[in-house]
Amino acid sequence: MKRMMRRDGSKQLKMTFLTLEELMPESHFLRNLEQCVDFSFIYDIVEPLYAKVGRPSVDPVLLVKMLLLGYLYGIPSERKLEQEVRINIAFRWFLGIDFDEPVPDHSTVSQLRRRKFGKT
């Protein structure tokens, strides 16, 4: 009996409801880091650097955490960091960016590094 190989090219879409919390392993390094470090101190430090009026800013804790991810994981550029955050579930969890939320643009991260933290 001759067997025929068949390749089914159809890709049926399936809807599944998952949260980042469900996908993030309990033992992941970033989960442990989040439990050990209270990043809220950043707000007090950067408050004088932000204007009270104008366009809404990106959360400074999110931006600092993004820079920290770049440092910890050896990501050499803001552009690459933006790409990694876009696809990495653990990074999204750590930053508090849900699946349907946009990732801060690489130029925003670059401007933060240059303008706000240029002398640090």
Protein backbone atom coordinates (compact mmCIF):
# COMPACT_ATOMS: atom_id res chain seq x y z
CA MET A 1 0.00 0.00 0.00
CA LYS A 2 1.41 3.34 -1.03
CA ARG A 3 1.22 6.15 1.52
CA MET A 4 0.66 9.67 0.36
CA MET A 5 2.12 12.59 2.18
CA ARG A 6 -0.26 15.46 2.56
CA ARG A 7 0.44 18.96 3.65
CA ASP A 8 -2.53 20.84 4.90
CA GLY A 9 -1.87 24.49 4.13
CA SER A 10 -4.86 25.83 5.99
CA LYS A 11 -4.25 27.73 9.18
CA GLN A 12 -7.43 27.94 11.13
CA LEU A 13 -7.58 30.80 13.58
CA LYS A 14 -8.37 29.90 17.13
CA MET A 15 -9.25 32.32 19.88
CA THR A 16 -7.85 31.62 23.31
CA PHE A 17 -8.07 33.86 26.33
CA LEU A 18 -4.78 33.99 28.21
CA THR A 19 -3.21 36.59 30.41
CA LEU A 20 0.44 37.47 30.72
CA GLU A 21 0.20 36.36 34.34
CA GLU A 22 -0.80 32.84 33.25
CA LEU A 23 2.09 32.63 30.78
CA MET A 24 4.79 33.94 33.10
CA PRO A 25 6.60 31.12 34.93
CA GLU A 26 6.66 31.43 38.73
CA SER A 27 10.42 30.86 38.80
CA HIS A 28 11.34 33.41 36.11
CA PHE A 29 14.13 35.82 37.03
CA LEU A 30 12.02 38.88 36.17
CA ARG A 31 9.23 37.73 38.46
CA ASN A 32 11.75 37.43 41.30
CA LEU A 33 13.22 40.84 40.48
CA GLU A 34 9.75 42.43 40.51
CA GLN A 35 9.07 40.90 43.94
CA CYS A 36 12.40 42.07 45.38
CA VAL A 37 12.58 45.63 44.05
CA ASP A 38 10.00 48.35 44.64
CA PHE A 39 10.46 50.54 41.58
CA SER A 40 8.10 53.26 42.86
CA PHE A 41 11.09 55.23 44.22
CA ILE A 42 11.72 56.30 40.62
CA TYR A 43 8.69 58.60 40.65
CA ASP A 44 10.17 60.74 43.44
CA ILE A 45 13.53 60.97 41.69
CA VAL A 46 12.21 61.96 38.26
CA GLU A 47 9.33 64.21 39.33
CA PRO A 48 11.38 67.43 38.97
CA LEU A 49 12.35 66.39 35.43
CA TYR A 50 8.77 66.26 34.15
CA ALA A 51 6.51 69.21 33.29
CA LYS A 52 3.11 69.53 34.93
CA VAL A 53 1.49 70.51 31.60
CA GLY A 54 1.82 69.24 28.05
CA ARG A 55 1.46 65.88 26.41
CA PRO A 56 1.02 62.84 28.62
CA SER A 57 4.36 61.18 29.24
CA VAL A 58 5.26 57.52 29.19
CA ASP A 59 5.44 56.07 32.70
CA PRO A 60 9.01 56.72 33.90
CA VAL A 61 9.10 53.41 35.80
CA LEU A 62 8.27 51.58 32.57
CA LEU A 63 11.05 53.41 30.73
CA VAL A 64 13.62 52.74 33.47
CA LYS A 65 12.60 49.09 33.56
CA MET A 66 12.99 48.95 29.78
CA LEU A 67 16.52 50.32 30.04
CA LEU A 68 17.21 47.81 32.82
CA LEU A 69 16.05 44.96 30.55
CA GLY A 70 18.43 46.18 27.86
CA TYR A 71 21.29 46.15 30.35
CA LEU A 72 20.44 42.79 31.96
CA TYR A 73 19.92 40.98 28.67
CA GLY A 74 22.71 42.65 26.68
CA ILE A 75 20.41 44.30 24.16
CA PRO A 76 22.67 46.82 22.43
CA SER A 77 20.21 49.36 21.02
CA GLU A 78 16.87 50.97 21.80
CA ARG A 79 15.53 49.81 18.42
CA LYS A 80 16.41 46.18 19.21
CA LEU A 81 15.03 46.61 22.73
CA GLU A 82 11.69 47.81 21.34
CA GLN A 83 11.55 44.73 19.07
CA GLU A 84 12.38 42.37 21.93
CA VAL A 85 9.74 43.88 24.24
CA ARG A 86 7.19 43.58 21.43
CA ILE A 87 7.67 39.79 21.15
CA ASN A 88 8.91 38.67 24.59
CA ILE A 89 6.11 37.71 26.98
CA ALA A 90 8.35 37.91 30.06
CA PHE A 91 9.47 41.43 29.12
CA ARG A 92 5.85 42.52 28.59
CA TRP A 93 4.88 41.05 31.96
CA PHE A 94 7.75 42.82 33.74
CA LEU A 95 6.85 46.13 32.11
CA GLY A 96 3.11 45.74 32.64
CA ILE A 97 2.37 46.04 28.92
CA ASP A 98 -0.56 43.84 27.94
CA PHE A 99 -0.88 42.13 24.54
CA ASP A 100 -3.16 44.86 23.16
CA GLU A 101 -1.06 47.77 24.43
CA PRO A 102 1.63 49.47 22.36
CA VAL A 103 5.30 49.22 23.28
CA PRO A 104 7.11 52.55 23.78
CA ASP A 105 8.86 53.61 20.60
CA HIS A 106 12.64 53.24 20.46
CA SER A 107 13.02 56.99 19.97
CA THR A 108 11.14 57.63 23.23
CA VAL A 109 13.55 55.36 25.09
CA SER A 110 16.52 56.97 23.35
CA GLN A 111 15.33 60.49 24.23
CA LEU A 112 14.85 59.47 27.85
CA ARG A 113 18.38 58.14 28.04
CA ARG A 114 19.82 61.25 26.41
CA ARG A 115 17.69 64.02 27.97
CA LYS A 116 16.82 62.75 31.44
CA PHE A 117 19.73 60.43 32.26
CA GLY A 118 22.50 61.95 30.15
CA LYS A 119 24.61 62.85 33.17
CA THR A 120 24.14 59.65 35.13
